[in-house]
């Protein structure tokens, strides 16, 4: 595989990962924290309403988890295409 072809496939996969992970974050932060807040408020979580929890803390926790998932995915992708350190 040529270098330019390899790098194009690498970046295409990288953009797919970014699109999926950012979509998940948008779903959690905007969807759960704003759009579905009233529905989720029916479920208690540690004395708080679940919709409130997602709006205040849940989206931040999910974002941090997604950072670690992205690092793990990119390390695997780097090894697959020979870009590891």
PDB file of N, CA and C in Angstrom:
ATOM      1  N   UNK A   1       0.843  -1.167   0.000  1.00  0.00           N
ATOM      2  CA  UNK A   1       0.000   0.000   0.000  1.00  0.00           C
ATOM      3  C   UNK A   1       0.897   1.242   0.000  1.00  0.00           C
ATOM      4  N   UNK A   2       0.597   2.186  -0.873  1.00  0.00           N
ATOM      5  CA  UNK A   2       1.369   3.412  -0.957  1.00  0.00           C
ATOM      6  C   UNK A   2       1.143   4.274   0.274  1.00  0.00           C
ATOM      7  N   UNK A   3       2.117   5.144   0.551  1.00  0.00           N
ATOM      8  CA  UNK A   3       2.041   6.004   1.739  1.00  0.00           C
ATOM      9  C   UNK A   3       0.811   6.900   1.695  1.00  0.00           C
ATOM     10  N   UNK A   4       0.521   7.517   0.538  1.00  0.00           N
ATOM     11  CA  UNK A   4      -0.629   8.423   0.459  1.00  0.00           C
ATOM     12  C   UNK A   4      -1.951   7.666   0.618  1.00  0.00           C
ATOM     13  N   UNK A   5      -2.010   6.469   0.056  1.00  0.00           N
ATOM     14  CA  UNK A   5      -3.220   5.646   0.197  1.00  0.00           C
ATOM     15  C   UNK A   5      -3.407   5.219   1.651  1.00  0.00           C
ATOM     16  N   UNK A   6      -2.298   4.855   2.282  1.00  0.00           N
ATOM     17  CA  UNK A   6      -2.342   4.444   3.688  1.00  0.00           C
ATOM     18  C   UNK A   6      -2.775   5.606   4.572  1.00  0.00           C
ATOM     19  N   UNK A   7      -2.233   6.788   4.327  1.00  0.00           N
ATOM     20  CA  UNK A   7      -2.590   7.942   5.155  1.00  0.00           C
ATOM     21  C   UNK A   7      -4.038   8.372   4.927  1.00  0.00           C
ATOM     22  N   UNK A   8      -4.541   8.222   3.697  1.00  0.00           N
ATOM     23  CA  UNK A   8      -5.943   8.550   3.438  1.00  0.00           C
ATOM     24  C   UNK A   8      -6.875   7.610   4.197  1.00  0.00           C
ATOM     25  N   UNK A   9      -6.568   6.324   4.207  1.00  0.00           N
ATOM     26  CA  UNK A   9      -7.384   5.363   4.945  1.00  0.00           C
ATOM     27  C   UNK A   9      -7.305   5.635   6.448  1.00  0.00           C
ATOM     28  N   UNK A  10      -6.124   5.986   6.911  1.00  0.00           N
ATOM     29  CA  UNK A  10      -5.920   6.305   8.329  1.00  0.00           C
ATOM     30  C   UNK A  10      -6.796   7.485   8.742  1.00  0.00           C
ATOM     31  N   UNK A  11      -6.748   8.573   7.960  1.00  0.00           N
ATOM     32  CA  UNK A  11      -7.513   9.764   8.320  1.00  0.00           C
ATOM     33  C   UNK A  11      -9.010   9.557   8.145  1.00  0.00           C
ATOM     34  N   UNK A  12      -9.399   8.749   7.176  1.00  0.00           N
ATOM     35  CA  UNK A  12     -10.816   8.445   6.999  1.00  0.00           C
ATOM     36  C   UNK A  12     -11.349   7.720   8.235  1.00  0.00           C
ATOM     37  N   UNK A  13     -10.595   6.745   8.723  1.00  0.00           N
ATOM     38  CA  UNK A  13     -11.002   6.009   9.917  1.00  0.00           C
ATOM     39  C   UNK A  13     -10.981   6.926  11.139  1.00  0.00           C
ATOM     40  N   UNK A  14      -9.982   7.792  11.232  1.00  0.00           N
ATOM     41  CA  UNK A  14      -9.901   8.751  12.334  1.00  0.00           C
ATOM     42  C   UNK A  14     -11.135   9.650  12.351  1.00  0.00           C
ATOM     43  N   UNK A  15     -11.555  10.147  11.205  1.00  0.00           N
ATOM     44  CA  UNK A  15     -12.738  11.004  11.129  1.00  0.00           C
ATOM     45  C   UNK A  15     -14.006  10.232  11.474  1.00  0.00           C
ATOM     46  N   UNK A  16     -14.054   8.950  11.130  1.00  0.00           N
ATOM     47  CA  UNK A  16     -15.198   8.124  11.525  1.00  0.00           C
ATOM     48  C   UNK A  16     -15.272   8.008  13.044  1.00  0.00           C
ATOM     49  N   UNK A  17     -14.133   7.750  13.670  1.00  0.00           N
ATOM     50  CA  UNK A  17     -14.090   7.677  15.134  1.00  0.00           C
ATOM     51  C   UNK A  17     -14.557   8.988  15.756  1.00  0.00           C
ATOM     52  N   UNK A  18     -14.046  10.099  15.230  1.00  0.00           N
ATOM     53  CA  UNK A  18     -14.428  11.413  15.763  1.00  0.00           C
ATOM     54  C   UNK A  18     -15.925  11.660  15.608  1.00  0.00           C
ATOM     55  N   UNK A  19     -16.468  11.341  14.457  1.00  0.00           N
ATOM     56  CA  UNK A  19     -17.894  11.568  14.216  1.00  0.00           C
ATOM     57  C   UNK A  19     -18.755  10.740  15.176  1.00  0.00           C
ATOM     58  N   UNK A  20     -18.400   9.491  15.379  1.00  0.00           N
ATOM     59  CA  UNK A  20     -19.170   8.627  16.270  1.00  0.00           C
ATOM     60  C   UNK A  20     -19.074   9.111  17.708  1.00  0.00           C
ATOM     61  N   UNK A  21     -17.861   9.386  18.172  1.00  0.00           N
ATOM     62  CA  UNK A  21     -17.674   9.785  19.566  1.00  0.00           C
ATOM     63  C   UNK A  21     -18.296  11.152  19.859  1.00  0.00           C
ATOM     64  N   UNK A  22     -18.157  12.092  18.943  1.00  0.00           N
ATOM     65  CA  UNK A  22     -18.768  13.408  19.158  1.00  0.00           C
ATOM     66  C   UNK A  22     -20.292  13.338  19.072  1.00  0.00           C
ATOM     67  N   UNK A  23     -20.812  12.434  18.247  1.00  0.00           N
ATOM     68  CA  UNK A  23     -22.259  12.234  18.191  1.00  0.00           C
ATOM     69  C   UNK A  23     -22.780  11.675  19.509  1.00  0.00           C
ATOM     70  N   UNK A  24     -22.039  10.740  20.080  1.00  0.00           N
ATOM     71  CA  UNK A  24     -22.432  10.200  21.380  1.00  0.00           C
ATOM     72  C   UNK A  24     -22.424  11.297  22.446  1.00  0.00           C
ATOM     73  N   UNK A  25     -21.394  12.114  22.423  1.00  0.00           N
ATOM     74  CA  UNK A  25     -21.311  13.194  23.403  1.00  0.00           C
ATOM     75  C   UNK A  25     -22.453  14.189  23.213  1.00  0.00           C
ATOM     76  N   UNK A  26     -22.780  14.516  21.966  1.00  0.00           N
ATOM     77  CA  UNK A  26     -23.882  15.432  21.695  1.00  0.00           C
ATOM     78  C   UNK A  26     -25.206  14.832  22.163  1.00  0.00           C
ATOM     79  N   UNK A  27     -25.379  13.548  21.941  1.00  0.00           N
ATOM     80  CA  UNK A  27     -26.593  12.877  22.393  1.00  0.00           C
ATOM     81  C   UNK A  27     -26.726  12.958  23.906  1.00  0.00           C
ATOM     82  N   UNK A  28     -25.643  12.683  24.599  1.00  0.00           N
ATOM     83  CA  UNK A  28     -25.688  12.703  26.062  1.00  0.00           C
ATOM     84  C   UNK A  28     -25.859  14.126  26.589  1.00  0.00           C
ATOM     85  N   UNK A  29     -25.070  15.061  26.087  1.00  0.00           N
ATOM     86  CA  UNK A  29     -25.118  16.417  26.650  1.00  0.00           C
ATOM     87  C   UNK A  29     -26.367  17.176  26.208  1.00  0.00           C
ATOM     88  N   UNK A  30     -26.678  17.153  24.943  1.00  0.00           N
ATOM     89  CA  UNK A  30     -27.830  17.906  24.450  1.00  0.00           C
ATOM     90  C   UNK A  30     -29.120  17.096  24.582  1.00  0.00           C
ATOM     91  N   UNK A  31     -29.069  15.846  24.152  1.00  0.00           N
ATOM     92  CA  UNK A  31     -30.264  15.016  24.182  1.00  0.00           C
ATOM     93  C   UNK A  31     -30.735  14.693  25.581  1.00  0.00           C
ATOM     94  N   UNK A  32     -29.847  14.124  26.399  1.00  0.00           N
ATOM     95  CA  UNK A  32     -30.235  13.717  27.746  1.00  0.00           C
ATOM     96  C   UNK A  32     -30.349  14.907  28.692  1.00  0.00           C
ATOM     97  N   UNK A  33     -29.484  15.886  28.532  1.00  0.00           N
ATOM     98  CA  UNK A  33     -29.478  17.024  29.449  1.00  0.00           C
ATOM     99  C   UNK A  33     -30.521  18.075  29.154  1.00  0.00           C
ATOM    100  N   UNK A  34     -30.987  18.160  27.899  1.00  0.00           N
ATOM    101  CA  UNK A  34     -31.929  19.214  27.539  1.00  0.00           C
ATOM    102  C   UNK A  34     -33.236  18.638  26.975  1.00  0.00           C
ATOM    103  N   UNK A  35     -33.141  17.874  25.888  1.00  0.00           N
ATOM    104  CA  UNK A  35     -34.352  17.409  25.213  1.00  0.00           C
ATOM    105  C   UNK A  35     -35.129  16.368  26.016  1.00  0.00           C
ATOM    106  N   UNK A  36     -34.427  15.430  26.614  1.00  0.00           N
ATOM    107  CA  UNK A  36     -35.085  14.356  27.364  1.00  0.00           C
ATOM    108  C   UNK A  36     -35.075  14.594  28.867  1.00  0.00           C
ATOM    109  N   UNK A  37     -34.772  15.804  29.285  1.00  0.00           N
ATOM    110  CA  UNK A  37     -34.649  16.113  30.708  1.00  0.00           C
ATOM    111  C   UNK A  37     -35.918  15.796  31.485  1.00  0.00           C
ATOM    112  N   UNK A  38     -37.059  16.213  30.977  1.00  0.00           N
ATOM    113  CA  UNK A  38     -38.316  15.990  31.702  1.00  0.00           C
ATOM    114  C   UNK A  38     -38.623  14.505  31.849  1.00  0.00           C
ATOM    115  N   UNK A  39     -38.344  13.735  30.828  1.00  0.00           N
ATOM    116  CA  UNK A  39     -38.571  12.289  30.896  1.00  0.00           C
ATOM    117  C   UNK A  39     -37.603  11.642  31.877  1.00  0.00           C
ATOM    118  N   UNK A  40     -36.344  12.030  31.822  1.00  0.00           N
ATOM    119  CA  UNK A  40     -35.335  11.440  32.701  1.00  0.00           C
ATOM    120  C   UNK A  40     -35.490  11.899  34.150  1.00  0.00           C
ATOM    121  N   UNK A  41     -36.151  13.018  34.361  1.00  0.00           N
ATOM    122  CA  UNK A  41     -36.358  13.498  35.730  1.00  0.00           C
ATOM    123  C   UNK A  41     -37.266  12.579  36.542  1.00  0.00           C
ATOM    124  N   UNK A  42     -37.951  11.676  35.881  1.00  0.00           N
ATOM    125  CA  UNK A  42     -38.804  10.710  36.576  1.00  0.00           C
ATOM    126  C   UNK A  42     -37.978   9.638  37.284  1.00  0.00           C
ATOM    127  N   UNK A  43     -36.696   9.529  36.939  1.00  0.00           N
ATOM    128  CA  UNK A  43     -35.815   8.508  37.504  1.00  0.00           C
ATOM    129  C   UNK A  43     -34.867   9.170  38.497  1.00  0.00           C
ATOM    130  N   UNK A  44     -34.910   8.740  39.772  1.00  0.00           N
ATOM    131  CA  UNK A  44     -33.982   9.328  40.753  1.00  0.00           C
ATOM    132  C   UNK A  44     -32.598   8.665  40.682  1.00  0.00           C
ATOM    133  N   UNK A  45     -31.569   9.463  40.935  1.00  0.00           N
ATOM    134  CA  UNK A  45     -30.192   8.954  40.957  1.00  0.00           C
ATOM    135  C   UNK A  45     -29.470   9.639  42.117  1.00  0.00           C
ATOM    136  N   UNK A  46     -29.267   8.902  43.190  1.00  0.00           N
ATOM    137  CA  UNK A  46     -28.564   9.445  44.347  1.00  0.00           C
ATOM    138  C   UNK A  46     -29.250  10.654  44.962  1.00  0.00           C
ATOM    139  N   UNK A  47     -30.571  10.688  44.953  1.00  0.00           N
ATOM    140  CA  UNK A  47     -31.296  11.803  45.523  1.00  0.00           C
ATOM    141  C   UNK A  47     -31.551  12.942  44.545  1.00  0.00           C
ATOM    142  N   UNK A  48     -31.045  12.831  43.342  1.00  0.00           N
ATOM    143  CA  UNK A  48     -31.256  13.859  42.322  1.00  0.00           C
ATOM    144  C   UNK A  48     -32.043  13.263  41.166  1.00  0.00           C
ATOM    145  N   UNK A  49     -32.640  14.125  40.389  1.00  0.00           N
ATOM    146  CA  UNK A  49     -33.338  13.678  39.183  1.00  0.00           C
ATOM    147  C   UNK A  49     -32.296  13.384  38.109  1.00  0.00           C
ATOM    148  N   UNK A  50     -32.516  12.320  37.338  1.00  0.00           N
ATOM    149  CA  UNK A  50     -31.526  11.879  36.348  1.00  0.00           C
ATOM    150  C   UNK A  50     -31.296  12.932  35.262  1.00  0.00           C
ATOM    151  N   UNK A  51     -32.337  13.611  34.823  1.00  0.00           N
ATOM    152  CA  UNK A  51     -32.168  14.668  33.816  1.00  0.00           C
ATOM    153  C   UNK A  51     -31.283  15.795  34.319  1.00  0.00           C
ATOM    154  N   UNK A  52     -31.493  16.180  35.575  1.00  0.00           N
ATOM    155  CA  UNK A  52     -30.649  17.204  36.194  1.00  0.00           C
ATOM    156  C   UNK A  52     -29.199  16.725  36.279  1.00  0.00           C
ATOM    157  N   UNK A  53     -29.012  15.459  36.667  1.00  0.00           N
ATOM    158  CA  UNK A  53     -27.661  14.909  36.801  1.00  0.00           C
ATOM    159  C   UNK A  53     -26.931  14.934  35.463  1.00  0.00           C
ATOM    160  N   UNK A  54     -27.613  14.519  34.376  1.00  0.00           N
ATOM    161  CA  UNK A  54     -26.973  14.544  33.055  1.00  0.00           C
ATOM    162  C   UNK A  54     -26.627  15.973  32.653  1.00  0.00           C
ATOM    163  N   UNK A  55     -27.492  16.914  32.940  1.00  0.00           N
ATOM    164  CA  UNK A  55     -27.233  18.306  32.565  1.00  0.00           C
ATOM    165  C   UNK A  55     -26.058  18.885  33.342  1.00  0.00           C
ATOM    166  N   UNK A  56     -25.887  18.486  34.602  1.00  0.00           N
ATOM    167  CA  UNK A  56     -24.854  19.074  35.438  1.00  0.00           C
ATOM    168  C   UNK A  56     -23.534  18.313  35.420  1.00  0.00           C
ATOM    169  N   UNK A  57     -23.589  16.985  35.472  1.00  0.00           N
ATOM    170  CA  UNK A  57     -22.363  16.203  35.606  1.00  0.00           C
ATOM    171  C   UNK A  57     -22.212  15.086  34.584  1.00  0.00           C
ATOM    172  N   UNK A  58     -23.307  14.490  34.198  1.00  0.00           N
ATOM    173  CA  UNK A  58     -23.256  13.308  33.346  1.00  0.00           C
ATOM    174  C   UNK A  58     -22.540  13.527  32.032  1.00  0.00           C
ATOM    175  N   UNK A  59     -22.811  14.662  31.388  1.00  0.00           N
ATOM    176  CA  UNK A  59     -22.165  14.914  30.099  1.00  0.00           C
ATOM    177  C   UNK A  59     -20.660  15.112  30.262  1.00  0.00           C
ATOM    178  N   UNK A  60     -20.235  15.650  31.387  1.00  0.00           N
ATOM    179  CA  UNK A  60     -18.796  15.832  31.637  1.00  0.00           C
ATOM    180  C   UNK A  60     -18.133  14.471  31.834  1.00  0.00           C
ATOM    181  N   UNK A  61     -18.765  13.611  32.629  1.00  0.00           N
ATOM    182  CA  UNK A  61     -18.224  12.258  32.838  1.00  0.00           C
ATOM    183  C   UNK A  61     -18.137  11.489  31.526  1.00  0.00           C
ATOM    184  N   UNK A  62     -19.185  11.575  30.731  1.00  0.00           N
ATOM    185  CA  UNK A  62     -19.190  10.882  29.442  1.00  0.00           C
ATOM    186  C   UNK A  62     -18.092  11.441  28.547  1.00  0.00           C
ATOM    187  N   UNK A  63     -17.887  12.744  28.545  1.00  0.00           N
ATOM    188  CA  UNK A  63     -16.837  13.344  27.728  1.00  0.00           C
ATOM    189  C   UNK A  63     -15.459  12.823  28.138  1.00  0.00           C
ATOM    190  N   UNK A  64     -15.190  12.736  29.427  1.00  0.00           N
ATOM    191  CA  UNK A  64     -13.898  12.228  29.899  1.00  0.00           C
ATOM    192  C   UNK A  64     -13.724  10.767  29.498  1.00  0.00           C
ATOM    193  N   UNK A  65     -14.771   9.970  29.617  1.00  0.00           N
ATOM    194  CA  UNK A  65     -14.709   8.562  29.204  1.00  0.00           C
ATOM    195  C   UNK A  65     -14.442   8.468  27.703  1.00  0.00           C
ATOM    196  N   UNK A  66     -15.092   9.331  26.921  1.00  0.00           N
ATOM    197  CA  UNK A  66     -14.886   9.323  25.470  1.00  0.00           C
ATOM    198  C   UNK A  66     -13.461   9.716  25.097  1.00  0.00           C
ATOM    199  N   UNK A  67     -12.820  10.552  25.886  1.00  0.00           N
ATOM    200  CA  UNK A  67     -11.416  10.885  25.637  1.00  0.00           C
ATOM    201  C   UNK A  67     -10.559   9.636  25.765  1.00  0.00           C
ATOM    202  N   UNK A  68     -10.777   8.847  26.823  1.00  0.00           N
ATOM    203  CA  UNK A  68     -10.008   7.621  27.001  1.00  0.00           C
ATOM    204  C   UNK A  68     -10.314   6.602  25.905  1.00  0.00           C
ATOM    205  N   UNK A  69     -11.561   6.517  25.480  1.00  0.00           N
ATOM    206  CA  UNK A  69     -11.927   5.614  24.384  1.00  0.00           C
ATOM    207  C   UNK A  69     -11.233   6.054  23.100  1.00  0.00           C
ATOM    208  N   UNK A  70     -11.199   7.353  22.832  1.00  0.00           N
ATOM    209  CA  UNK A  70     -10.537   7.863  21.631  1.00  0.00           C
ATOM    210  C   UNK A  70      -9.041   7.554  21.649  1.00  0.00           C
ATOM    211  N   UNK A  71      -8.399   7.725  22.794  1.00  0.00           N
ATOM    212  CA  UNK A  71      -6.969   7.413  22.907  1.00  0.00           C
ATOM    213  C   UNK A  71      -6.740   5.932  22.625  1.00  0.00           C
ATOM    214  N   UNK A  72      -7.581   5.083  23.200  1.00  0.00           N
ATOM    215  CA  UNK A  72      -7.447   3.634  22.985  1.00  0.00           C
ATOM    216  C   UNK A  72      -7.645   3.279  21.504  1.00  0.00           C
ATOM    217  N   UNK A  73      -8.680   3.859  20.885  1.00  0.00           N
ATOM    218  CA  UNK A  73      -8.940   3.590  19.465  1.00  0.00           C
ATOM    219  C   UNK A  73      -7.800   4.090  18.586  1.00  0.00           C
ATOM    220  N   UNK A  74      -7.282   5.263  18.897  1.00  0.00           N
ATOM    221  CA  UNK A  74      -6.199   5.815  18.072  1.00  0.00           C
ATOM    222  C   UNK A  74      -4.905   5.031  18.247  1.00  0.00           C
ATOM    223  N   UNK A  75      -4.635   4.536  19.431  1.00  0.00           N
ATOM    224  CA  UNK A  75      -3.449   3.691  19.611  1.00  0.00           C
ATOM    225  C   UNK A  75      -3.551   2.436  18.761  1.00  0.00           C
ATOM    226  N   UNK A  76      -4.735   1.837  18.726  1.00  0.00           N
ATOM    227  CA  UNK A  76      -4.942   0.661  17.878  1.00  0.00           C
ATOM    228  C   UNK A  76      -4.791   1.013  16.402  1.00  0.00           C
ATOM    229  N   UNK A  77      -5.350   2.168  16.006  1.00  0.00           N
ATOM    230  CA  UNK A  77      -5.266   2.593  14.610  1.00  0.00           C
ATOM    231  C   UNK A  77      -3.818   2.912  14.231  1.00  0.00           C
ATOM    232  N   UNK A  78      -3.089   3.548  15.120  1.00  0.00           N
ATOM    233  CA  UNK A  78      -1.670   3.850  14.870  1.00  0.00           C
ATOM    234  C   UNK A  78      -0.879   2.572  14.642  1.00  0.00           C
ATOM    235  N   UNK A  79      -1.116   1.565  15.454  1.00  0.00           N
ATOM    236  CA  UNK A  79      -0.407   0.289  15.293  1.00  0.00           C
ATOM    237  C   UNK A  79      -0.793  -0.374  13.981  1.00  0.00           C
ATOM    238  N   UNK A  80      -2.060  -0.316  13.630  1.00  0.00           N
ATOM    239  CA  UNK A  80      -2.534  -0.959  12.399  1.00  0.00           C
ATOM    240  C   UNK A  80      -1.863  -0.351  11.164  1.00  0.00           C
ATOM    241  N   UNK A  81      -1.690   0.971  11.146  1.00  0.00           N
ATOM    242  CA  UNK A  81      -1.133   1.647   9.983  1.00  0.00           C
ATOM    243  C   UNK A  81       0.349   1.993  10.131  1.00  0.00           C
ATOM    244  N   UNK A  82       0.972   1.577  11.221  1.00  0.00           N
ATOM    245  CA  UNK A  82       2.400   1.777  11.391  1.00  0.00           C
ATOM    246  C   UNK A  82       2.810   3.173  11.787  1.00  0.00           C
ATOM    247  N   UNK A  83       1.952   3.890  12.482  1.00  0.00           N
ATOM    248  CA  UNK A  83       2.275   5.240  12.933  1.00  0.00           C
ATOM    249  C   UNK A  83       2.590   5.320  14.415  1.00  0.00           C
ATOM    250  N   UNK A  84       2.727   4.174  15.068  1.00  0.00           N
ATOM    251  CA  UNK A  84       3.004   4.195  16.512  1.00  0.00           C
ATOM    252  C   UNK A  84       4.400   4.737  16.774  1.00  0.00           C
ATOM    253  N   UNK A  85       4.586   5.186  18.014  1.00  0.00           N
ATOM    254  CA  UNK A  85       5.881   5.765  18.380  1.00  0.00           C
ATOM    255  C   UNK A  85       6.925   4.697  18.511  1.00  0.00           C
TER     256      UNK A  85
END
